[in-house]
Amino acid sequence: MLFLKFPIGTFVGLDHSAPTSRSDGKALIVNELLNKLHTPVMMIGDGMTDANACPPASVFIGFGVNVIRPKVKTISDYFCTSVEELINLLKNHKMLL
């Protein structure tokens, strides 16, 4: 998204050259990370464009803090409804140091 500096927060439009302006953009970014890092990538999010980035992400964690979308919850490898729950999940599965 593009915003004007003054007045603060005025929406101007979308940057259509940004990968995330497309429905498959997050998956493209995950692929770039995989190619650069050569290590598994996990995706955390609350929407279908987040979920659709898995694959190529190894794991998708649905994050329903602000809104719970039933389809996202159904297809998630894991689903959390609080930051504390997410942190505990990541620690318990050794995904967070």
PDB file of N, CA and C in Angstrom:
ATOM      1  N   MET A   1       0.836  -1.171   0.000  1.00  0.00           N
ATOM      2  CA  MET A   1       0.000   0.000   0.000  1.00  0.00           C
ATOM      3  C   MET A   1       0.883   1.237   0.000  1.00  0.00           C
ATOM      4  N   LEU A   2       0.375   2.263  -0.570  1.00  0.00           N
ATOM      5  CA  LEU A   2       1.090   3.529  -0.597  1.00  0.00           C
ATOM      6  C   LEU A   2       0.322   4.565   0.211  1.00  0.00           C
ATOM      7  N   PHE A   3       1.026   5.327   1.017  1.00  0.00           N
ATOM      8  CA  PHE A   3       0.421   6.370   1.828  1.00  0.00           C
ATOM      9  C   PHE A   3       1.155   7.683   1.585  1.00  0.00           C
ATOM     10  N   LEU A   4       0.414   8.776   1.643  1.00  0.00           N
ATOM     11  CA  LEU A   4       1.025  10.104   1.576  1.00  0.00           C
ATOM     12  C   LEU A   4       1.626  10.439   2.929  1.00  0.00           C
ATOM     13  N   LYS A   5       2.672  11.240   2.937  1.00  0.00           N
ATOM     14  CA  LYS A   5       3.257  11.664   4.210  1.00  0.00           C
ATOM     15  C   LYS A   5       2.372  12.688   4.904  1.00  0.00           C
ATOM     16  N   PHE A   6       1.686  13.517   4.130  1.00  0.00           N
ATOM     17  CA  PHE A   6       0.810  14.513   4.747  1.00  0.00           C
ATOM     18  C   PHE A   6      -0.474  14.578   3.962  1.00  0.00           C
ATOM     19  N   PRO A   7      -1.623  14.511   4.520  1.00  0.00           N
ATOM     20  CA  PRO A   7      -1.841  14.198   5.936  1.00  0.00           C
ATOM     21  C   PRO A   7      -1.485  12.743   6.223  1.00  0.00           C
ATOM     22  N   ILE A   8      -0.981  12.526   7.398  1.00  0.00           N
ATOM     23  CA  ILE A   8      -0.483  11.213   7.792  1.00  0.00           C
ATOM     24  C   ILE A   8      -1.586  10.168   7.639  1.00  0.00           C
ATOM     25  N   GLY A   9      -1.211   9.051   7.017  1.00  0.00           N
ATOM     26  CA  GLY A   9      -2.119   7.923   6.890  1.00  0.00           C
ATOM     27  C   GLY A   9      -3.087   8.002   5.732  1.00  0.00           C
ATOM     28  N   THR A  10      -2.921   8.945   4.835  1.00  0.00           N
ATOM     29  CA  THR A  10      -3.816   9.049   3.692  1.00  0.00           C
ATOM     30  C   THR A  10      -3.462   7.970   2.675  1.00  0.00           C
ATOM     31  N   PHE A  11      -4.413   7.107   2.375  1.00  0.00           N
ATOM     32  CA  PHE A  11      -4.208   6.010   1.432  1.00  0.00           C
ATOM     33  C   PHE A  11      -4.210   6.551   0.014  1.00  0.00           C
ATOM     34  N   VAL A  12      -3.198   6.192  -0.760  1.00  0.00           N
ATOM     35  CA  VAL A  12      -3.074   6.660  -2.134  1.00  0.00           C
ATOM     36  C   VAL A  12      -3.367   5.537  -3.123  1.00  0.00           C
ATOM     37  N   GLY A  13      -2.921   4.334  -2.818  1.00  0.00           N
ATOM     38  CA  GLY A  13      -3.134   3.221  -3.735  1.00  0.00           C
ATOM     39  C   GLY A  13      -2.232   2.052  -3.393  1.00  0.00           C
ATOM     40  N   LEU A  14      -2.185   1.081  -4.299  1.00  0.00           N
ATOM     41  CA  LEU A  14      -1.364  -0.109  -4.120  1.00  0.00           C
ATOM     42  C   LEU A  14      -0.151  -0.043  -5.030  1.00  0.00           C
ATOM     43  N   ASP A  15       0.947  -0.589  -4.561  1.00  0.00           N
ATOM     44  CA  ASP A  15       2.135  -0.734  -5.389  1.00  0.00           C
ATOM     45  C   ASP A  15       2.011  -2.076  -6.101  1.00  0.00           C
ATOM     46  N   HIS A  16       1.552  -2.050  -7.334  1.00  0.00           N
ATOM     47  CA  HIS A  16       1.287  -3.288  -8.069  1.00  0.00           C
ATOM     48  C   HIS A  16       2.555  -4.034  -8.462  1.00  0.00           C
ATOM     49  N   SER A  17       3.722  -3.426  -8.267  1.00  0.00           N
ATOM     50  CA  SER A  17       4.972  -4.131  -8.548  1.00  0.00           C
ATOM     51  C   SER A  17       5.426  -4.977  -7.355  1.00  0.00           C
ATOM     52  N   ALA A  18       4.841  -4.753  -6.181  1.00  0.00           N
ATOM     53  CA  ALA A  18       5.206  -5.516  -4.981  1.00  0.00           C
ATOM     54  C   ALA A  18       4.599  -6.916  -5.064  1.00  0.00           C
ATOM     55  N   PRO A  19       5.372  -7.956  -4.736  1.00  0.00           N
ATOM     56  CA  PRO A  19       4.838  -9.320  -4.811  1.00  0.00           C
ATOM     57  C   PRO A  19       3.574  -9.524  -3.973  1.00  0.00           C
ATOM     58  N   THR A  20       3.489  -8.843  -2.837  1.00  0.00           N
ATOM     59  CA  THR A  20       2.327  -9.044  -1.962  1.00  0.00           C
ATOM     60  C   THR A  20       1.057  -8.386  -2.484  1.00  0.00           C
ATOM     61  N   SER A  21       1.138  -7.713  -3.626  1.00  0.00           N
ATOM     62  CA  SER A  21      -0.082  -7.162  -4.231  1.00  0.00           C
ATOM     63  C   SER A  21      -0.823  -8.230  -5.028  1.00  0.00           C
ATOM     64  N   ARG A  22      -0.204  -9.405  -5.174  1.00  0.00           N
ATOM     65  CA  ARG A  22      -0.815 -10.524  -5.896  1.00  0.00           C
ATOM     66  C   ARG A  22      -1.235 -11.597  -4.904  1.00  0.00           C
ATOM     67  N   SER A  23      -2.219 -12.406  -5.286  1.00  0.00           N
ATOM     68  CA  SER A  23      -2.715 -13.440  -4.375  1.00  0.00           C
ATOM     69  C   SER A  23      -1.658 -14.502  -4.090  1.00  0.00           C
ATOM     70  N   ASP A  24      -0.711 -14.714  -4.994  1.00  0.00           N
ATOM     71  CA  ASP A  24       0.345 -15.699  -4.765  1.00  0.00           C
ATOM     72  C   ASP A  24       1.658 -15.061  -4.303  1.00  0.00           C
ATOM     73  N   GLY A  25       1.605 -13.793  -3.947  1.00  0.00           N
ATOM     74  CA  GLY A  25       2.816 -13.052  -3.607  1.00  0.00           C
ATOM     75  C   GLY A  25       3.555 -13.567  -2.390  1.00  0.00           C
ATOM     76  N   LYS A  26       2.828 -13.976  -1.366  1.00  0.00           N
ATOM     77  CA  LYS A  26       3.494 -14.464  -0.153  1.00  0.00           C
ATOM     78  C   LYS A  26       4.209 -15.780  -0.435  1.00  0.00           C
ATOM     79  N   ALA A  27       3.604 -16.630  -1.264  1.00  0.00           N
ATOM     80  CA  ALA A  27       4.263 -17.879  -1.652  1.00  0.00           C
ATOM     81  C   ALA A  27       5.538 -17.587  -2.442  1.00  0.00           C
ATOM     82  N   LEU A  28       5.510 -16.575  -3.301  1.00  0.00           N
ATOM     83  CA  LEU A  28       6.709 -16.190  -4.057  1.00  0.00           C
ATOM     84  C   LEU A  28       7.822 -15.735  -3.117  1.00  0.00           C
ATOM     85  N   ILE A  29       7.452 -14.966  -2.096  1.00  0.00           N
ATOM     86  CA  ILE A  29       8.446 -14.486  -1.129  1.00  0.00           C
ATOM     87  C   ILE A  29       9.015 -15.649  -0.322  1.00  0.00           C
ATOM     88  N   VAL A  30       8.160 -16.590   0.084  1.00  0.00           N
ATOM     89  CA  VAL A  30       8.647 -17.769   0.811  1.00  0.00           C
ATOM     90  C   VAL A  30       9.625 -18.547  -0.068  1.00  0.00           C
ATOM     91  N   ASN A  31       9.314 -18.705  -1.356  1.00  0.00           N
ATOM     92  CA  ASN A  31      10.243 -19.380  -2.274  1.00  0.00           C
ATOM     93  C   ASN A  31      11.588 -18.667  -2.333  1.00  0.00           C
ATOM     94  N   GLU A  32      11.561 -17.338  -2.374  1.00  0.00           N
ATOM     95  CA  GLU A  32      12.810 -16.569  -2.375  1.00  0.00           C
ATOM     96  C   GLU A  32      13.614 -16.833  -1.104  1.00  0.00           C
ATOM     97  N   LEU A  33      12.910 -16.870   0.045  1.00  0.00           N
ATOM     98  CA  LEU A  33      13.592 -17.153   1.313  1.00  0.00           C
ATOM     99  C   LEU A  33      14.210 -18.546   1.303  1.00  0.00           C
ATOM    100  N   LEU A  34      13.466 -19.525   0.800  1.00  0.00           N
ATOM    101  CA  LEU A  34      13.983 -20.893   0.729  1.00  0.00           C
ATOM    102  C   LEU A  34      15.239 -20.958  -0.133  1.00  0.00           C
ATOM    103  N   ASN A  35      15.224 -20.267  -1.254  1.00  0.00           N
ATOM    104  CA  ASN A  35      16.379 -20.274  -2.153  1.00  0.00           C
ATOM    105  C   ASN A  35      17.587 -19.568  -1.552  1.00  0.00           C
ATOM    106  N   LYS A  36      17.354 -18.552  -0.736  1.00  0.00           N
ATOM    107  CA  LYS A  36      18.460 -17.802  -0.140  1.00  0.00           C
ATOM    108  C   LYS A  36      18.970 -18.441   1.148  1.00  0.00           C
ATOM    109  N   LEU A  37      18.054 -18.961   1.964  1.00  0.00           N
ATOM    110  CA  LEU A  37      18.423 -19.453   3.291  1.00  0.00           C
ATOM    111  C   LEU A  37      18.740 -20.942   3.331  1.00  0.00           C
ATOM    112  N   HIS A  38      18.170 -21.705   2.404  1.00  0.00           N
ATOM    113  CA  HIS A  38      18.360 -23.162   2.360  1.00  0.00           C
ATOM    114  C   HIS A  38      17.992 -23.820   3.691  1.00  0.00           C
ATOM    115  N   THR A  39      16.899 -23.353   4.264  1.00  0.00           N
ATOM    116  CA  THR A  39      16.389 -23.904   5.521  1.00  0.00           C
ATOM    117  C   THR A  39      14.868 -23.821   5.487  1.00  0.00           C
ATOM    118  N   PRO A  40      14.177 -24.698   6.205  1.00  0.00           N
ATOM    119  CA  PRO A  40      12.709 -24.636   6.197  1.00  0.00           C
ATOM    120  C   PRO A  40      12.186 -23.276   6.667  1.00  0.00           C
ATOM    121  N   VAL A  41      11.058 -22.889   6.114  1.00  0.00           N
ATOM    122  CA  VAL A  41      10.403 -21.623   6.454  1.00  0.00           C
ATOM    123  C   VAL A  41       9.005 -21.929   6.952  1.00  0.00           C
ATOM    124  N   MET A  42       8.604 -21.265   8.036  1.00  0.00           N
ATOM    125  CA  MET A  42       7.233 -21.404   8.517  1.00  0.00           C
ATOM    126  C   MET A  42       6.489 -20.114   8.209  1.00  0.00           C
ATOM    127  N   MET A  43       5.184 -20.246   7.987  1.00  0.00           N
ATOM    128  CA  MET A  43       4.333 -19.086   7.716  1.00  0.00           C
ATOM    129  C   MET A  43       3.338 -18.968   8.853  1.00  0.00           C
ATOM    130  N   ILE A  44       3.149 -17.759   9.353  1.00  0.00           N
ATOM    131  CA  ILE A  44       2.172 -17.483  10.400  1.00  0.00           C
ATOM    132  C   ILE A  44       1.256 -16.392   9.876  1.00  0.00           C
ATOM    133  N   GLY A  45      -0.052 -16.601   9.957  1.00  0.00           N
ATOM    134  CA  GLY A  45      -0.962 -15.574   9.480  1.00  0.00           C
ATOM    135  C   GLY A  45      -2.410 -15.887   9.768  1.00  0.00           C
ATOM    136  N   ASP A  46      -3.278 -14.929   9.402  1.00  0.00           N
ATOM    137  CA  ASP A  46      -4.702 -15.079   9.713  1.00  0.00           C
ATOM    138  C   ASP A  46      -5.590 -15.226   8.484  1.00  0.00           C
ATOM    139  N   GLY A  47      -5.001 -15.219   7.290  1.00  0.00           N
ATOM    140  CA  GLY A  47      -5.819 -15.252   6.085  1.00  0.00           C
ATOM    141  C   GLY A  47      -5.398 -16.327   5.105  1.00  0.00           C
ATOM    142  N   MET A  48      -6.192 -16.456   4.041  1.00  0.00           N
ATOM    143  CA  MET A  48      -5.936 -17.483   3.047  1.00  0.00           C
ATOM    144  C   MET A  48      -4.664 -17.222   2.244  1.00  0.00           C
ATOM    145  N   THR A  49      -4.308 -15.963   2.007  1.00  0.00           N
ATOM    146  CA  THR A  49      -3.056 -15.733   1.278  1.00  0.00           C
ATOM    147  C   THR A  49      -1.858 -16.159   2.118  1.00  0.00           C
ATOM    148  N   ASP A  50      -1.994 -16.089   3.436  1.00  0.00           N
ATOM    149  CA  ASP A  50      -0.952 -16.608   4.323  1.00  0.00           C
ATOM    150  C   ASP A  50      -0.920 -18.134   4.232  1.00  0.00           C
ATOM    151  N   ALA A  51      -2.082 -18.752   4.338  1.00  0.00           N
ATOM    152  CA  ALA A  51      -2.180 -20.214   4.283  1.00  0.00           C
ATOM    153  C   ALA A  51      -1.698 -20.755   2.943  1.00  0.00           C
ATOM    154  N   ASN A  52      -1.975 -20.024   1.865  1.00  0.00           N
ATOM    155  CA  ASN A  52      -1.581 -20.484   0.534  1.00  0.00           C
ATOM    156  C   ASN A  52      -0.079 -20.413   0.298  1.00  0.00           C
ATOM    157  N   ALA A  53       0.660 -19.856   1.235  1.00  0.00           N
ATOM    158  CA  ALA A  53       2.120 -19.844   1.137  1.00  0.00           C
ATOM    159  C   ALA A  53       2.720 -21.126   1.705  1.00  0.00           C
ATOM    160  N   CYS A  54       1.866 -22.088   2.035  1.00  0.00           N
ATOM    161  CA  CYS A  54       2.295 -23.386   2.562  1.00  0.00           C
ATOM    162  C   CYS A  54       1.626 -24.497   1.765  1.00  0.00           C
ATOM    163  N   PRO A  55       2.289 -25.252   0.913  1.00  0.00           N
ATOM    164  CA  PRO A  55       3.657 -24.996   0.530  1.00  0.00           C
ATOM    165  C   PRO A  55       3.765 -23.751  -0.329  1.00  0.00           C
ATOM    166  N   PRO A  56       4.930 -23.228  -0.423  1.00  0.00           N
ATOM    167  CA  PRO A  56       6.271 -23.756  -0.208  1.00  0.00           C
ATOM    168  C   PRO A  56       6.751 -23.734   1.245  1.00  0.00           C
ATOM    169  N   ALA A  57       6.119 -22.974   2.130  1.00  0.00           N
ATOM    170  CA  ALA A  57       6.515 -23.025   3.546  1.00  0.00           C
ATOM    171  C   ALA A  57       6.303 -24.446   4.059  1.00  0.00           C
ATOM    172  N   SER A  58       7.093 -24.837   5.034  1.00  0.00           N
ATOM    173  CA  SER A  58       6.997 -26.187   5.596  1.00  0.00           C
ATOM    174  C   SER A  58       5.813 -26.349   6.529  1.00  0.00           C
ATOM    175  N   VAL A  59       5.471 -25.275   7.240  1.00  0.00           N
ATOM    176  CA  VAL A  59       4.424 -25.302   8.259  1.00  0.00           C
ATOM    177  C   VAL A  59       3.626 -24.011   8.169  1.00  0.00           C
ATOM    178  N   PHE A  60       2.311 -24.123   8.368  1.00  0.00           N
ATOM    179  CA  PHE A  60       1.472 -22.928   8.467  1.00  0.00           C
ATOM    180  C   PHE A  60       0.809 -22.905   9.829  1.00  0.00           C
ATOM    181  N   ILE A  61       1.006 -21.804  10.551  1.00  0.00           N
ATOM    182  CA  ILE A  61       0.357 -21.595  11.842  1.00  0.00           C
ATOM    183  C   ILE A  61      -0.694 -20.514  11.654  1.00  0.00           C
ATOM    184  N   GLY A  62      -1.953 -20.903  11.822  1.00  0.00           N
ATOM    185  CA  GLY A  62      -3.036 -19.934  11.771  1.00  0.00           C
ATOM    186  C   GLY A  62      -3.020 -19.094  13.034  1.00  0.00           C
ATOM    187  N   PHE A  63      -3.277 -17.801  12.880  1.00  0.00           N
ATOM    188  CA  PHE A  63      -3.170 -16.870  13.999  1.00  0.00           C
ATOM    189  C   PHE A  63      -4.476 -16.103  14.114  1.00  0.00           C
ATOM    190  N   GLY A  64      -5.341 -16.551  15.024  1.00  0.00           N
ATOM    191  CA  GLY A  64      -6.671 -15.976  15.146  1.00  0.00           C
ATOM    192  C   GLY A  64      -6.836 -15.012  16.301  1.00  0.00           C
ATOM    193  N   VAL A  65      -5.889 -14.107  16.491  1.00  0.00           N
ATOM    194  CA  VAL A  65      -5.988 -13.143  17.584  1.00  0.00           C
ATOM    195  C   VAL A  65      -7.042 -12.086  17.280  1.00  0.00           C
ATOM    196  N   ASN A  66      -7.034 -11.549  16.067  1.00  0.00           N
ATOM    197  CA  ASN A  66      -7.989 -10.498  15.701  1.00  0.00           C
ATOM    198  C   ASN A  66      -9.272 -11.052  15.115  1.00  0.00           C
ATOM    199  N   VAL A  67      -9.157 -12.108  14.332  1.00  0.00           N
ATOM    200  CA  VAL A  67     -10.322 -12.716  13.695  1.00  0.00           C
ATOM    201  C   VAL A  67     -10.024 -14.196  13.465  1.00  0.00           C
ATOM    202  N   ILE A  68     -11.032 -15.032  13.683  1.00  0.00           N
ATOM    203  CA  ILE A  68     -10.895 -16.458  13.406  1.00  0.00           C
ATOM    204  C   ILE A  68     -11.669 -16.754  12.134  1.00  0.00           C
ATOM    205  N   ARG A  69     -10.938 -17.158  11.112  1.00  0.00           N
ATOM    206  CA  ARG A  69     -11.555 -17.546   9.843  1.00  0.00           C
ATOM    207  C   ARG A  69     -11.621 -19.068   9.823  1.00  0.00           C
ATOM    208  N   PRO A  70     -12.842 -19.639   9.820  1.00  0.00           N
ATOM    209  CA  PRO A  70     -12.983 -21.095   9.924  1.00  0.00           C
ATOM    210  C   PRO A  70     -12.157 -21.881   8.903  1.00  0.00           C
ATOM    211  N   LYS A  71     -12.115 -21.445   7.652  1.00  0.00           N
ATOM    212  CA  LYS A  71     -11.357 -22.193   6.643  1.00  0.00           C
ATOM    213  C   LYS A  71      -9.866 -22.164   6.952  1.00  0.00           C
ATOM    214  N   VAL A  72      -9.370 -21.012   7.396  1.00  0.00           N
ATOM    215  CA  VAL A  72      -7.955 -20.904   7.760  1.00  0.00           C
ATOM    216  C   VAL A  72      -7.663 -21.829   8.936  1.00  0.00           C
ATOM    217  N   LYS A  73      -8.551 -21.842   9.915  1.00  0.00           N
ATOM    218  CA  LYS A  73      -8.364 -22.709  11.086  1.00  0.00           C
ATOM    219  C   LYS A  73      -8.331 -24.175  10.670  1.00  0.00           C
ATOM    220  N   THR A  74      -9.208 -24.559   9.750  1.00  0.00           N
ATOM    221  CA  THR A  74      -9.305 -25.950   9.307  1.00  0.00           C
ATOM    222  C   THR A  74      -8.033 -26.421   8.610  1.00  0.00           C
ATOM    223  N   ILE A  75      -7.436 -25.573   7.786  1.00  0.00           N
ATOM    224  CA  ILE A  75      -6.284 -26.027   7.000  1.00  0.00           C
ATOM    225  C   ILE A  75      -4.938 -25.757   7.670  1.00  0.00           C
ATOM    226  N   SER A  76      -4.945 -25.119   8.829  1.00  0.00           N
ATOM    227  CA  SER A  76      -3.694 -24.815   9.537  1.00  0.00           C
ATOM    228  C   SER A  76      -3.074 -26.075  10.121  1.00  0.00           C
ATOM    229  N   ASP A  77      -1.740 -26.124  10.111  1.00  0.00           N
ATOM    230  CA  ASP A  77      -1.045 -27.197  10.823  1.00  0.00           C
ATOM    231  C   ASP A  77      -1.237 -27.019  12.328  1.00  0.00           C
ATOM    232  N   TYR A  78      -1.236 -25.770  12.756  1.00  0.00           N
ATOM    233  CA  TYR A  78      -1.487 -25.379  14.145  1.00  0.00           C
ATOM    234  C   TYR A  78      -2.327 -24.115  14.094  1.00  0.00           C
ATOM    235  N   PHE A  79      -3.070 -23.841  15.168  1.00  0.00           N
ATOM    236  CA  PHE A  79      -3.875 -22.621  15.212  1.00  0.00           C
ATOM    237  C   PHE A  79      -3.796 -22.035  16.613  1.00  0.00           C
ATOM    238  N   CYS A  80      -3.470 -20.754  16.704  1.00  0.00           N
ATOM    239  CA  CYS A  80      -3.327 -20.066  17.990  1.00  0.00           C
ATOM    240  C   CYS A  80      -4.279 -18.880  18.054  1.00  0.00           C
ATOM    241  N   THR A  81      -4.799 -18.629  19.248  1.00  0.00           N
ATOM    242  CA  THR A  81      -5.710 -17.498  19.431  1.00  0.00           C
ATOM    243  C   THR A  81      -5.149 -16.439  20.379  1.00  0.00           C
ATOM    244  N   SER A  82      -3.865 -16.574  20.738  1.00  0.00           N
ATOM    245  CA  SER A  82      -3.210 -15.545  21.551  1.00  0.00           C
ATOM    246  C   SER A  82      -1.716 -15.569  21.266  1.00  0.00           C
ATOM    247  N   VAL A  83      -1.059 -14.464  21.557  1.00  0.00           N
ATOM    248  CA  VAL A  83       0.391 -14.386  21.384  1.00  0.00           C
ATOM    249  C   VAL A  83       1.071 -15.372  22.324  1.00  0.00           C
ATOM    250  N   GLU A  84       0.568 -15.468  23.546  1.00  0.00           N
ATOM    251  CA  GLU A  84       1.140 -16.403  24.524  1.00  0.00           C
ATOM    252  C   GLU A  84       1.061 -17.840  24.006  1.00  0.00           C
ATOM    253  N   GLU A  85      -0.077 -18.212  23.442  1.00  0.00           N
ATOM    254  CA  GLU A  85      -0.249 -19.555  22.889  1.00  0.00           C
ATOM    255  C   GLU A  85       0.740 -19.795  21.742  1.00  0.00           C
ATOM    256  N   LEU A  86       0.943 -18.794  20.904  1.00  0.00           N
ATOM    257  CA  LEU A  86       1.890 -18.912  19.794  1.00  0.00           C
ATOM    258  C   LEU A  86       3.314 -19.098  20.316  1.00  0.00           C
ATOM    259  N   ILE A  87       3.706 -18.296  21.283  1.00  0.00           N
ATOM    260  CA  ILE A  87       5.057 -18.409  21.854  1.00  0.00           C
ATOM    261  C   ILE A  87       5.267 -19.788  22.462  1.00  0.00           C
ATOM    262  N   ASN A  88       4.284 -20.281  23.218  1.00  0.00           N
ATOM    263  CA  ASN A  88       4.390 -21.611  23.821  1.00  0.00           C
ATOM    264  C   ASN A  88       4.502 -22.699  22.757  1.00  0.00           C
ATOM    265  N   LEU A  89       3.713 -22.589  21.701  1.00  0.00           N
ATOM    266  CA  LEU A  89       3.768 -23.556  20.604  1.00  0.00           C
ATOM    267  C   LEU A  89       5.165 -23.570  19.981  1.00  0.00           C
ATOM    268  N   LEU A  90       5.681 -22.388  19.691  1.00  0.00           N
ATOM    269  CA  LEU A  90       6.999 -22.294  19.067  1.00  0.00           C
ATOM    270  C   LEU A  90       8.094 -22.840  19.981  1.00  0.00           C
ATOM    271  N   LYS A  91       8.005 -22.552  21.274  1.00  0.00           N
ATOM    272  CA  LYS A  91       8.993 -23.070  22.226  1.00  0.00           C
ATOM    273  C   LYS A  91       8.885 -24.583  22.358  1.00  0.00           C
ATOM    274  N   ASN A  92       7.667 -25.101  22.495  1.00  0.00           N
ATOM    275  CA  ASN A  92       7.460 -26.537  22.686  1.00  0.00           C
ATOM    276  C   ASN A  92       7.928 -27.359  21.494  1.00  0.00           C
ATOM    277  N   HIS A  93       7.862 -26.797  20.310  1.00  0.00           N
ATOM    278  CA  HIS A  93       8.283 -27.508  19.099  1.00  0.00           C
ATOM    279  C   HIS A  93       9.680 -27.093  18.651  1.00  0.00           C
ATOM    280  N   LYS A  94      10.388 -26.409  19.565  1.00  0.00           N
ATOM    281  CA  LYS A  94      11.765 -25.980  19.306  1.00  0.00           C
ATOM    282  C   LYS A  94      11.880 -25.147  18.027  1.00  0.00           C
ATOM    283  N   MET A  95      10.844 -24.355  17.770  1.00  0.00           N
ATOM    284  CA  MET A  95      10.857 -23.452  16.627  1.00  0.00           C
ATOM    285  C   MET A  95      11.244 -22.043  17.056  1.00  0.00           C
ATOM    286  N   LEU A  96      11.399 -21.852  18.355  1.00  0.00           N
ATOM    287  CA  LEU A  96      11.784 -20.558  18.913  1.00  0.00           C
ATOM    288  C   LEU A  96      12.837 -20.819  19.969  1.00  0.00           C
ATOM    289  N   LEU A  97      13.901 -20.099  19.892  1.00  0.00           N
ATOM    290  CA  LEU A  97      14.987 -20.312  20.859  1.00  0.00           C
ATOM    291  C   LEU A  97      14.751 -19.530  22.124  1.00  0.00           C
TER     292      LEU A  97
END
